[in-house]
């Protein structure tokens, strides 16, 4: 059983693969997630150019 937060991360890993900076398509996805209890941040670092992008959600 997966949580809603895990499903969001998988969605990014499956649909948001192309780096907007260099155009590299990261087939592995590799989005990481972290939370501080008040928000959750999904982050991806491009393996080609090291550009970082994040999606942040406020909880509660």
PDB file of N, CA and C in Angstrom:
ATOM      1  N   UNK A   1       0.846  -1.180   0.000  1.00  0.00           N
ATOM      2  CA  UNK A   1       0.000   0.000   0.000  1.00  0.00           C
ATOM      3  C   UNK A   1       0.891   1.243   0.000  1.00  0.00           C
ATOM      4  N   UNK A   2       0.577   2.179  -0.869  1.00  0.00           N
ATOM      5  CA  UNK A   2       1.365   3.400  -0.945  1.00  0.00           C
ATOM      6  C   UNK A   2       0.573   4.576  -0.380  1.00  0.00           C
ATOM      7  N   UNK A   3       1.310   5.540   0.116  1.00  0.00           N
ATOM      8  CA  UNK A   3       0.680   6.738   0.665  1.00  0.00           C
ATOM      9  C   UNK A   3       0.458   7.748  -0.466  1.00  0.00           C
ATOM     10  N   UNK A   4      -0.404   8.731  -0.247  1.00  0.00           N
ATOM     11  CA  UNK A   4      -0.578   9.772  -1.267  1.00  0.00           C
ATOM     12  C   UNK A   4       0.729  10.487  -1.601  1.00  0.00           C
ATOM     13  N   UNK A   5       1.586  10.685  -0.618  1.00  0.00           N
ATOM     14  CA  UNK A   5       2.861  11.361  -0.861  1.00  0.00           C
ATOM     15  C   UNK A   5       3.782  10.525  -1.743  1.00  0.00           C
ATOM     16  N   UNK A   6       3.765   9.215  -1.555  1.00  0.00           N
ATOM     17  CA  UNK A   6       4.560   8.328  -2.414  1.00  0.00           C
ATOM     18  C   UNK A   6       4.019   8.338  -3.838  1.00  0.00           C
ATOM     19  N   UNK A   7       2.712   8.411  -3.973  1.00  0.00           N
ATOM     20  CA  UNK A   7       2.111   8.444  -5.313  1.00  0.00           C
ATOM     21  C   UNK A   7       2.483   9.733  -6.046  1.00  0.00           C
ATOM     22  N   UNK A   8       2.547  10.848  -5.333  1.00  0.00           N
ATOM     23  CA  UNK A   8       2.964  12.100  -5.966  1.00  0.00           C
ATOM     24  C   UNK A   8       4.408  11.987  -6.450  1.00  0.00           C
ATOM     25  N   UNK A   9       5.291  11.452  -5.605  1.00  0.00           N
ATOM     26  CA  UNK A   9       6.696  11.294  -6.006  1.00  0.00           C
ATOM     27  C   UNK A   9       6.801  10.402  -7.236  1.00  0.00           C
ATOM     28  N   UNK A  10       6.071   9.313  -7.259  1.00  0.00           N
ATOM     29  CA  UNK A  10       6.102   8.415  -8.429  1.00  0.00           C
ATOM     30  C   UNK A  10       5.594   9.115  -9.680  1.00  0.00           C
ATOM     31  N   UNK A  11       4.586   9.968  -9.505  1.00  0.00           N
ATOM     32  CA  UNK A  11       4.077  10.729 -10.654  1.00  0.00           C
ATOM     33  C   UNK A  11       5.189  11.590 -11.248  1.00  0.00           C
ATOM     34  N   UNK A  12       5.915  12.301 -10.410  1.00  0.00           N
ATOM     35  CA  UNK A  12       7.031  13.106 -10.907  1.00  0.00           C
ATOM     36  C   UNK A  12       8.087  12.217 -11.567  1.00  0.00           C
ATOM     37  N   UNK A  13       8.394  11.093 -10.954  1.00  0.00           N
ATOM     38  CA  UNK A  13       9.413  10.192 -11.505  1.00  0.00           C
ATOM     39  C   UNK A  13       8.994   9.638 -12.866  1.00  0.00           C
ATOM     40  N   UNK A  14       7.706   9.498 -13.095  1.00  0.00           N
ATOM     41  CA  UNK A  14       7.222   8.927 -14.352  1.00  0.00           C
ATOM     42  C   UNK A  14       6.876   9.965 -15.418  1.00  0.00           C
ATOM     43  N   UNK A  15       6.613  11.206 -15.028  1.00  0.00           N
ATOM     44  CA  UNK A  15       6.151  12.177 -16.014  1.00  0.00           C
ATOM     45  C   UNK A  15       7.046  13.405 -16.153  1.00  0.00           C
ATOM     46  N   UNK A  16       7.829  13.727 -15.165  1.00  0.00           N
ATOM     47  CA  UNK A  16       8.633  14.955 -15.182  1.00  0.00           C
ATOM     48  C   UNK A  16      10.104  14.585 -15.282  1.00  0.00           C
ATOM     49  N   UNK A  17      10.511  14.088 -16.445  1.00  0.00           N
ATOM     50  CA  UNK A  17      11.857  13.549 -16.617  1.00  0.00           C
ATOM     51  C   UNK A  17      12.810  14.481 -17.362  1.00  0.00           C
ATOM     52  N   UNK A  18      12.258  15.451 -18.097  1.00  0.00           N
ATOM     53  CA  UNK A  18      13.104  16.300 -18.939  1.00  0.00           C
ATOM     54  C   UNK A  18      13.543  17.550 -18.185  1.00  0.00           C
ATOM     55  N   UNK A  19      14.832  17.774 -18.153  1.00  0.00           N
ATOM     56  CA  UNK A  19      15.390  18.951 -17.487  1.00  0.00           C
ATOM     57  C   UNK A  19      15.041  20.203 -18.286  1.00  0.00           C
ATOM     58  N   UNK A  20      14.427  21.204 -17.652  1.00  0.00           N
ATOM     59  CA  UNK A  20      14.098  22.428 -18.372  1.00  0.00           C
ATOM     60  C   UNK A  20      15.329  23.281 -18.705  1.00  0.00           C
ATOM     61  N   UNK A  21      16.435  23.023 -18.051  1.00  0.00           N
ATOM     62  CA  UNK A  21      17.659  23.803 -18.293  1.00  0.00           C
ATOM     63  C   UNK A  21      18.446  23.306 -19.502  1.00  0.00           C
ATOM     64  N   UNK A  22      18.684  21.989 -19.568  1.00  0.00           N
ATOM     65  CA  UNK A  22      19.551  21.466 -20.637  1.00  0.00           C
ATOM     66  C   UNK A  22      18.847  20.502 -21.584  1.00  0.00           C
ATOM     67  N   UNK A  23      17.619  20.083 -21.241  1.00  0.00           N
ATOM     68  CA  UNK A  23      16.873  19.177 -22.100  1.00  0.00           C
ATOM     69  C   UNK A  23      17.166  17.703 -21.888  1.00  0.00           C
ATOM     70  N   UNK A  24      18.073  17.378 -20.976  1.00  0.00           N
ATOM     71  CA  UNK A  24      18.399  15.979 -20.697  1.00  0.00           C
ATOM     72  C   UNK A  24      17.168  15.256 -20.155  1.00  0.00           C
ATOM     73  N   UNK A  25      16.945  14.041 -20.650  1.00  0.00           N
ATOM     74  CA  UNK A  25      15.837  13.221 -20.168  1.00  0.00           C
ATOM     75  C   UNK A  25      16.395  12.177 -19.214  1.00  0.00           C
ATOM     76  N   UNK A  26      16.040  12.293 -17.949  1.00  0.00           N
ATOM     77  CA  UNK A  26      16.517  11.392 -16.899  1.00  0.00           C
ATOM     78  C   UNK A  26      15.548  10.223 -16.788  1.00  0.00           C
ATOM     79  N   UNK A  27      15.863   9.141 -17.429  1.00  0.00           N
ATOM     80  CA  UNK A  27      14.982   7.971 -17.438  1.00  0.00           C
ATOM     81  C   UNK A  27      14.795   7.351 -16.054  1.00  0.00           C
ATOM     82  N   UNK A  28      15.745   7.562 -15.166  1.00  0.00           N
ATOM     83  CA  UNK A  28      15.649   7.013 -13.812  1.00  0.00           C
ATOM     84  C   UNK A  28      14.712   7.826 -12.918  1.00  0.00           C
ATOM     85  N   UNK A  29      14.501   9.076 -13.265  1.00  0.00           N
ATOM     86  CA  UNK A  29      13.632   9.930 -12.449  1.00  0.00           C
ATOM     87  C   UNK A  29      14.346  10.464 -11.232  1.00  0.00           C
ATOM     88  N   UNK A  30      14.450   9.664 -10.208  1.00  0.00           N
ATOM     89  CA  UNK A  30      15.190   9.985  -8.985  1.00  0.00           C
ATOM     90  C   UNK A  30      14.779  11.291  -8.315  1.00  0.00           C
ATOM     91  N   UNK A  31      13.498  11.463  -8.105  1.00  0.00           N
ATOM     92  CA  UNK A  31      13.017  12.578  -7.300  1.00  0.00           C
ATOM     93  C   UNK A  31      13.123  12.171  -5.843  1.00  0.00           C
ATOM     94  N   UNK A  32      13.604  13.057  -5.009  1.00  0.00           N
ATOM     95  CA  UNK A  32      13.656  12.787  -3.571  1.00  0.00           C
ATOM     96  C   UNK A  32      12.593  13.644  -2.899  1.00  0.00           C
ATOM     97  N   UNK A  33      12.135  13.186  -1.764  1.00  0.00           N
ATOM     98  CA  UNK A  33      11.142  13.964  -1.025  1.00  0.00           C
ATOM     99  C   UNK A  33      11.586  14.095   0.422  1.00  0.00           C
ATOM    100  N   UNK A  34      11.192  15.230   1.013  1.00  0.00           N
ATOM    101  CA  UNK A  34      11.468  15.444   2.429  1.00  0.00           C
ATOM    102  C   UNK A  34      10.340  16.296   3.001  1.00  0.00           C
ATOM    103  N   UNK A  35      10.156  16.188   4.299  1.00  0.00           N
ATOM    104  CA  UNK A  35       9.122  16.962   4.957  1.00  0.00           C
ATOM    105  C   UNK A  35       9.631  17.462   6.295  1.00  0.00           C
ATOM    106  N   UNK A  36       9.100  18.605   6.700  1.00  0.00           N
ATOM    107  CA  UNK A  36       9.403  19.137   8.023  1.00  0.00           C
ATOM    108  C   UNK A  36       8.154  19.113   8.901  1.00  0.00           C
ATOM    109  N   UNK A  37       7.123  18.420   8.432  1.00  0.00           N
ATOM    110  CA  UNK A  37       5.865  18.317   9.156  1.00  0.00           C
ATOM    111  C   UNK A  37       4.838  19.336   8.711  1.00  0.00           C
ATOM    112  N   UNK A  38       5.294  20.459   8.171  1.00  0.00           N
ATOM    113  CA  UNK A  38       4.385  21.500   7.711  1.00  0.00           C
ATOM    114  C   UNK A  38       4.316  21.614   6.201  1.00  0.00           C
ATOM    115  N   UNK A  39       5.319  21.056   5.551  1.00  0.00           N
ATOM    116  CA  UNK A  39       5.333  21.063   4.097  1.00  0.00           C
ATOM    117  C   UNK A  39       6.151  19.874   3.605  1.00  0.00           C
ATOM    118  N   UNK A  40       5.944  19.523   2.358  1.00  0.00           N
ATOM    119  CA  UNK A  40       6.732  18.468   1.734  1.00  0.00           C
ATOM    120  C   UNK A  40       7.351  19.033   0.467  1.00  0.00           C
ATOM    121  N   UNK A  41       8.604  18.697   0.249  1.00  0.00           N
ATOM    122  CA  UNK A  41       9.348  19.195  -0.902  1.00  0.00           C
ATOM    123  C   UNK A  41       9.817  18.003  -1.724  1.00  0.00           C
ATOM    124  N   UNK A  42       9.486  18.026  -3.014  1.00  0.00           N
ATOM    125  CA  UNK A  42       9.982  17.031  -3.966  1.00  0.00           C
ATOM    126  C   UNK A  42      11.071  17.727  -4.766  1.00  0.00           C
ATOM    127  N   UNK A  43      12.251  17.088  -4.868  1.00  0.00           N
ATOM    128  CA  UNK A  43      13.407  17.726  -5.497  1.00  0.00           C
ATOM    129  C   UNK A  43      14.080  16.770  -6.466  1.00  0.00           C
ATOM    130  N   UNK A  44      14.524  17.323  -7.578  1.00  0.00           N
ATOM    131  CA  UNK A  44      15.272  16.552  -8.570  1.00  0.00           C
ATOM    132  C   UNK A  44      16.496  17.359  -8.978  1.00  0.00           C
ATOM    133  N   UNK A  45      17.639  16.694  -9.052  1.00  0.00           N
ATOM    134  CA  UNK A  45      18.868  17.308  -9.543  1.00  0.00           C
ATOM    135  C   UNK A  45      19.232  16.611 -10.846  1.00  0.00           C
ATOM    136  N   UNK A  46      19.375  17.383 -11.901  1.00  0.00           N
ATOM    137  CA  UNK A  46      19.693  16.821 -13.215  1.00  0.00           C
ATOM    138  C   UNK A  46      21.085  16.191 -13.184  1.00  0.00           C
ATOM    139  N   UNK A  47      21.201  14.923 -13.603  1.00  0.00           N
ATOM    140  CA  UNK A  47      22.520  14.284 -13.614  1.00  0.00           C
ATOM    141  C   UNK A  47      23.437  14.819 -14.714  1.00  0.00           C
ATOM    142  N   UNK A  48      22.895  15.555 -15.660  1.00  0.00           N
ATOM    143  CA  UNK A  48      23.702  16.086 -16.746  1.00  0.00           C
ATOM    144  C   UNK A  48      24.278  17.469 -16.429  1.00  0.00           C
ATOM    145  N   UNK A  49      23.428  18.397 -15.936  1.00  0.00           N
ATOM    146  CA  UNK A  49      23.903  19.776 -15.726  1.00  0.00           C
ATOM    147  C   UNK A  49      23.805  20.242 -14.272  1.00  0.00           C
ATOM    148  N   UNK A  50      23.296  19.387 -13.389  1.00  0.00           N
ATOM    149  CA  UNK A  50      23.167  19.670 -11.952  1.00  0.00           C
ATOM    150  C   UNK A  50      22.127  20.745 -11.616  1.00  0.00           C
ATOM    151  N   UNK A  51      21.262  21.075 -12.582  1.00  0.00           N
ATOM    152  CA  UNK A  51      20.172  22.013 -12.286  1.00  0.00           C
ATOM    153  C   UNK A  51      19.226  21.352 -11.280  1.00  0.00           C
ATOM    154  N   UNK A  52      18.761  22.138 -10.340  1.00  0.00           N
ATOM    155  CA  UNK A  52      17.873  21.632  -9.306  1.00  0.00           C
ATOM    156  C   UNK A  52      16.483  22.234  -9.505  1.00  0.00           C
ATOM    157  N   UNK A  53      15.464  21.412  -9.327  1.00  0.00           N
ATOM    158  CA  UNK A  53      14.094  21.913  -9.371  1.00  0.00           C
ATOM    159  C   UNK A  53      13.301  21.279  -8.242  1.00  0.00           C
ATOM    160  N   UNK A  54      12.331  22.015  -7.750  1.00  0.00           N
ATOM    161  CA  UNK A  54      11.546  21.567  -6.605  1.00  0.00           C
ATOM    162  C   UNK A  54      10.063  21.859  -6.811  1.00  0.00           C
ATOM    163  N   UNK A  55       9.256  21.016  -6.196  1.00  0.00           N
ATOM    164  CA  UNK A  55       7.821  21.233  -6.070  1.00  0.00           C
ATOM    165  C   UNK A  55       7.539  21.169  -4.577  1.00  0.00           C
ATOM    166  N   UNK A  56       6.890  22.196  -4.032  1.00  0.00           N
ATOM    167  CA  UNK A  56       6.623  22.275  -2.589  1.00  0.00           C
ATOM    168  C   UNK A  56       5.128  22.324  -2.331  1.00  0.00           C
ATOM    169  N   UNK A  57       4.678  21.545  -1.359  1.00  0.00           N
ATOM    170  CA  UNK A  57       3.284  21.514  -0.947  1.00  0.00           C
ATOM    171  C   UNK A  57       3.193  21.810   0.542  1.00  0.00           C
ATOM    172  N   UNK A  58       2.290  22.694   0.908  1.00  0.00           N
ATOM    173  CA  UNK A  58       2.046  22.980   2.310  1.00  0.00           C
ATOM    174  C   UNK A  58       1.023  21.988   2.841  1.00  0.00           C
ATOM    175  N   UNK A  59       1.315  21.383   3.989  1.00  0.00           N
ATOM    176  CA  UNK A  59       0.424  20.381   4.589  1.00  0.00           C
ATOM    177  C   UNK A  59      -0.498  21.030   5.599  1.00  0.00           C
ATOM    178  N   UNK A  60      -1.687  20.477   5.680  1.00  0.00           N
ATOM    179  CA  UNK A  60      -2.632  20.837   6.711  1.00  0.00           C
ATOM    180  C   UNK A  60      -3.293  22.112   6.540  1.00  0.00           C
TER     181      UNK A  60
END
